[in-house]
Amino acid sequence: MSVKKFIESVKESLGLDEFKKSSKKKAIKKLLKKLREKQNKLTNSLDKKLEKKVIKEKKEELHIITIQIKKGEKILEELSSESK
């Protein structure tokens, strides 16, 4: 048995690959939580009366955060489907 095959068999038997996936999932979930909190704060701040320039900046930031949330959810879904 070659060294690579031995290492792969040990990783598989110990379930080390699953550990990496679960830690990635946790990290992504934390990031998504922070992004959603930021999204809520921006949405609430848009309700206040502000200058047009400030409103435009906040809308752009909100748009970027929304895109990042979608990307994060997609990655999380891919990780979940791989583990099944």
N, C-alpha and C. Protein backbone atom coordinates (compact mmCIF):
# COMPACT_ATOMS: atom_id res chain seq x y z
N MET A 1 0.86 -1.18 0.00
CA MET A 1 0.00 0.00 0.00
C MET A 1 0.90 1.24 0.00
N SER A 2 0.58 2.14 -0.90
CA SER A 2 1.39 3.36 -0.97
C SER A 2 1.03 4.29 0.18
N VAL A 3 1.86 5.28 0.37
CA VAL A 3 1.67 6.23 1.47
C VAL A 3 0.39 7.04 1.28
N LYS A 4 0.13 7.47 0.03
CA LYS A 4 -1.07 8.26 -0.24
C LYS A 4 -2.33 7.47 0.07
N LYS A 5 -2.36 6.22 -0.37
CA LYS A 5 -3.54 5.39 -0.12
C LYS A 5 -3.74 5.17 1.37
N PHE A 6 -2.63 4.98 2.10
CA PHE A 6 -2.71 4.79 3.54
C PHE A 6 -3.28 6.03 4.21
N ILE A 7 -2.76 7.19 3.83
CA ILE A 7 -3.24 8.45 4.43
C ILE A 7 -4.72 8.65 4.12
N GLU A 8 -5.12 8.39 2.88
CA GLU A 8 -6.52 8.54 2.50
C GLU A 8 -7.42 7.58 3.29
N SER A 9 -6.96 6.35 3.46
CA SER A 9 -7.78 5.39 4.21
C SER A 9 -7.91 5.79 5.67
N VAL A 10 -6.83 6.34 6.25
CA VAL A 10 -6.88 6.79 7.64
C VAL A 10 -7.81 7.99 7.77
N LYS A 11 -7.73 8.94 6.83
CA LYS A 11 -8.63 10.10 6.85
C LYS A 11 -10.08 9.66 6.78
N GLU A 12 -10.33 8.71 5.88
CA GLU A 12 -11.69 8.22 5.71
C GLU A 12 -12.20 7.53 6.96
N SER A 13 -11.36 6.68 7.55
CA SER A 13 -11.80 5.94 8.73
C SER A 13 -12.00 6.85 9.94
N LEU A 14 -11.22 7.91 10.03
CA LEU A 14 -11.36 8.84 11.16
C LEU A 14 -12.39 9.92 10.90
N GLY A 15 -12.83 10.04 9.67
CA GLY A 15 -13.84 11.04 9.34
C GLY A 15 -13.30 12.47 9.35
N LEU A 16 -12.06 12.65 8.97
CA LEU A 16 -11.46 13.98 9.00
C LEU A 16 -12.01 14.90 7.93
N ASP A 17 -12.45 14.35 6.81
CA ASP A 17 -13.03 15.17 5.76
C ASP A 17 -14.33 15.80 6.23
N GLU A 18 -15.11 15.07 6.99
CA GLU A 18 -16.38 15.59 7.51
C GLU A 18 -16.12 16.73 8.49
N PHE A 19 -15.03 16.66 9.22
CA PHE A 19 -14.70 17.72 10.18
C PHE A 19 -14.43 19.03 9.44
N LYS A 20 -13.71 18.96 8.34
CA LYS A 20 -13.41 20.16 7.56
C LYS A 20 -14.70 20.77 7.02
N LYS A 21 -15.59 19.93 6.52
CA LYS A 21 -16.85 20.43 5.97
C LYS A 21 -17.71 21.07 7.05
N SER A 22 -17.75 20.45 8.22
CA SER A 22 -18.58 21.01 9.30
C SER A 22 -18.01 22.34 9.79
N SER A 23 -16.68 22.46 9.82
CA SER A 23 -16.11 23.74 10.25
C SER A 23 -16.36 24.83 9.20
N LYS A 24 -16.36 24.46 7.92
CA LYS A 24 -16.67 25.43 6.86
C LYS A 24 -18.13 25.87 6.98
N LYS A 25 -19.01 24.93 7.26
CA LYS A 25 -20.43 25.25 7.41
C LYS A 25 -20.64 26.24 8.56
N LYS A 26 -19.97 25.98 9.68
CA LYS A 26 -20.11 26.86 10.84
C LYS A 26 -19.63 28.27 10.52
N ALA A 27 -18.50 28.36 9.83
CA ALA A 27 -17.94 29.67 9.49
C ALA A 27 -18.88 30.43 8.55
N ILE A 28 -19.43 29.71 7.57
CA ILE A 28 -20.34 30.35 6.62
C ILE A 28 -21.61 30.80 7.33
N LYS A 29 -22.11 29.98 8.24
CA LYS A 29 -23.32 30.35 8.98
C LYS A 29 -23.09 31.60 9.82
N LYS A 30 -21.91 31.71 10.43
CA LYS A 30 -21.60 32.91 11.22
C LYS A 30 -21.54 34.14 10.33
N LEU A 31 -20.89 34.00 9.18
CA LEU A 31 -20.81 35.12 8.24
C LEU A 31 -22.19 35.54 7.75
N LEU A 32 -23.04 34.55 7.44
CA LEU A 32 -24.39 34.86 6.99
C LEU A 32 -25.18 35.58 8.08
N LYS A 33 -24.97 35.17 9.31
CA LYS A 33 -25.68 35.82 10.42
C LYS A 33 -25.27 37.29 10.52
N LYS A 34 -23.96 37.55 10.42
CA LYS A 34 -23.47 38.92 10.49
C LYS A 34 -23.97 39.75 9.31
N LEU A 35 -24.00 39.13 8.12
CA LEU A 35 -24.49 39.85 6.94
C LEU A 35 -25.97 40.19 7.07
N ARG A 36 -26.75 39.27 7.60
CA ARG A 36 -28.18 39.53 7.79
C ARG A 36 -28.41 40.65 8.81
N GLU A 37 -27.60 40.66 9.87
CA GLU A 37 -27.72 41.73 10.86
C GLU A 37 -27.40 43.08 10.22
N LYS A 38 -26.35 43.11 9.42
CA LYS A 38 -25.97 44.35 8.73
C LYS A 38 -27.07 44.76 7.76
N GLN A 39 -27.66 43.78 7.09
CA GLN A 39 -28.75 44.05 6.15
C GLN A 39 -29.94 44.67 6.87
N ASN A 40 -30.28 44.14 8.02
CA ASN A 40 -31.38 44.69 8.81
C ASN A 40 -31.10 46.11 9.27
N LYS A 41 -29.86 46.37 9.70
CA LYS A 41 -29.50 47.72 10.13
C LYS A 41 -29.61 48.71 8.97
N LEU A 42 -29.14 48.29 7.80
CA LEU A 42 -29.22 49.18 6.63
C LEU A 42 -30.67 49.43 6.23
N THR A 43 -31.47 48.39 6.26
CA THR A 43 -32.88 48.53 5.90
C THR A 43 -33.57 49.50 6.86
N ASN A 44 -33.27 49.35 8.14
CA ASN A 44 -33.86 50.26 9.13
C ASN A 44 -33.36 51.69 8.97
N SER A 45 -32.10 51.84 8.62
CA SER A 45 -31.56 53.20 8.46
C SER A 45 -32.11 53.87 7.21
N LEU A 46 -32.53 53.10 6.22
CA LEU A 46 -33.12 53.68 5.02
C LEU A 46 -34.50 54.27 5.29
N ASP A 47 -35.13 53.82 6.37
CA ASP A 47 -36.45 54.35 6.73
C ASP A 47 -36.36 55.78 7.26
N LYS A 48 -35.19 56.15 7.75
CA LYS A 48 -35.00 57.50 8.29
C LYS A 48 -34.81 58.50 7.16
N LYS A 49 -35.05 59.74 7.46
CA LYS A 49 -34.86 60.79 6.47
C LYS A 49 -33.37 61.12 6.39
N LEU A 50 -32.80 60.89 5.21
CA LEU A 50 -31.38 61.15 4.98
C LEU A 50 -31.20 61.89 3.67
N GLU A 51 -29.99 62.35 3.44
CA GLU A 51 -29.68 63.00 2.18
C GLU A 51 -29.68 61.97 1.05
N LYS A 52 -29.92 62.45 -0.16
CA LYS A 52 -29.99 61.55 -1.30
C LYS A 52 -28.68 60.78 -1.51
N LYS A 53 -27.56 61.45 -1.30
CA LYS A 53 -26.26 60.81 -1.49
C LYS A 53 -26.07 59.66 -0.50
N VAL A 54 -26.45 59.89 0.73
CA VAL A 54 -26.32 58.87 1.78
C VAL A 54 -27.26 57.70 1.49
N ILE A 55 -28.46 58.01 1.06
CA ILE A 55 -29.42 56.96 0.72
C ILE A 55 -28.90 56.09 -0.42
N LYS A 56 -28.33 56.75 -1.42
CA LYS A 56 -27.79 56.01 -2.57
C LYS A 56 -26.65 55.09 -2.13
N GLU A 57 -25.76 55.57 -1.27
CA GLU A 57 -24.66 54.76 -0.78
C GLU A 57 -25.16 53.56 0.02
N LYS A 58 -26.15 53.80 0.84
CA LYS A 58 -26.69 52.71 1.66
C LYS A 58 -27.42 51.67 0.81
N LYS A 59 -28.10 52.12 -0.24
CA LYS A 59 -28.77 51.18 -1.15
C LYS A 59 -27.75 50.33 -1.88
N GLU A 60 -26.64 50.93 -2.29
CA GLU A 60 -25.58 50.18 -2.96
C GLU A 60 -24.99 49.13 -2.01
N GLU A 61 -24.74 49.55 -0.78
CA GLU A 61 -24.20 48.63 0.21
C GLU A 61 -25.19 47.50 0.49
N LEU A 62 -26.46 47.82 0.57
CA LEU A 62 -27.50 46.82 0.80
C LEU A 62 -27.55 45.83 -0.36
N HIS A 63 -27.41 46.33 -1.56
CA HIS A 63 -27.41 45.47 -2.75
C HIS A 63 -26.22 44.49 -2.71
N ILE A 64 -25.06 44.99 -2.36
CA ILE A 64 -23.86 44.14 -2.27
C ILE A 64 -24.03 43.08 -1.20
N ILE A 65 -24.56 43.46 -0.06
CA ILE A 65 -24.77 42.51 1.04
C ILE A 65 -25.77 41.44 0.63
N THR A 66 -26.83 41.83 -0.07
CA THR A 66 -27.83 40.86 -0.53
C THR A 66 -27.20 39.83 -1.46
N ILE A 67 -26.34 40.30 -2.35
CA ILE A 67 -25.66 39.38 -3.27
C ILE A 67 -24.76 38.43 -2.50
N GLN A 68 -24.03 38.94 -1.51
CA GLN A 68 -23.15 38.10 -0.72
C GLN A 68 -23.93 37.07 0.09
N ILE A 69 -25.10 37.43 0.57
CA ILE A 69 -25.93 36.48 1.31
C ILE A 69 -26.37 35.35 0.38
N LYS A 70 -26.78 35.70 -0.83
CA LYS A 70 -27.18 34.67 -1.79
C LYS A 70 -26.03 33.73 -2.10
N LYS A 71 -24.83 34.28 -2.30
CA LYS A 71 -23.66 33.45 -2.58
C LYS A 71 -23.36 32.52 -1.40
N GLY A 72 -23.44 33.06 -0.19
CA GLY A 72 -23.18 32.26 1.00
C GLY A 72 -24.18 31.14 1.16
N GLU A 73 -25.45 31.42 0.90
CA GLU A 73 -26.47 30.37 0.99
C GLU A 73 -26.24 29.29 -0.05
N LYS A 74 -25.80 29.68 -1.23
CA LYS A 74 -25.52 28.71 -2.29
C LYS A 74 -24.36 27.80 -1.90
N ILE A 75 -23.30 28.38 -1.34
CA ILE A 75 -22.16 27.59 -0.91
C ILE A 75 -22.56 26.65 0.22
N LEU A 76 -23.35 27.14 1.15
CA LEU A 76 -23.82 26.32 2.27
C LEU A 76 -24.66 25.15 1.76
N GLU A 77 -25.50 25.41 0.78
CA GLU A 77 -26.33 24.36 0.19
C GLU A 77 -25.46 23.31 -0.50
N GLU A 78 -24.41 23.74 -1.20
CA GLU A 78 -23.51 22.81 -1.87
C GLU A 78 -22.78 21.94 -0.85
N LEU A 79 -22.34 22.54 0.25
CA LEU A 79 -21.66 21.76 1.29
C LEU A 79 -22.61 20.75 1.94
N SER A 80 -23.85 21.16 2.11
CA SER A 80 -24.83 20.25 2.72
C SER A 80 -25.14 19.08 1.78
N SER A 81 -25.23 19.35 0.49
CA SER A 81 -25.54 18.27 -0.45
C SER A 81 -24.36 17.31 -0.62
N GLU A 82 -23.13 17.81 -0.47
CA GLU A 82 -21.96 16.94 -0.57
C GLU A 82 -21.86 15.98 0.61
N SER A 83 -22.28 16.41 1.77
CA SER A 83 -22.16 15.58 2.96
C SER A 83 -23.20 14.50 3.02
N LYS A 84 -24.24 14.61 2.22
CA LYS A 84 -25.31 13.58 2.24
C LYS A 84 -24.96 12.40 1.42
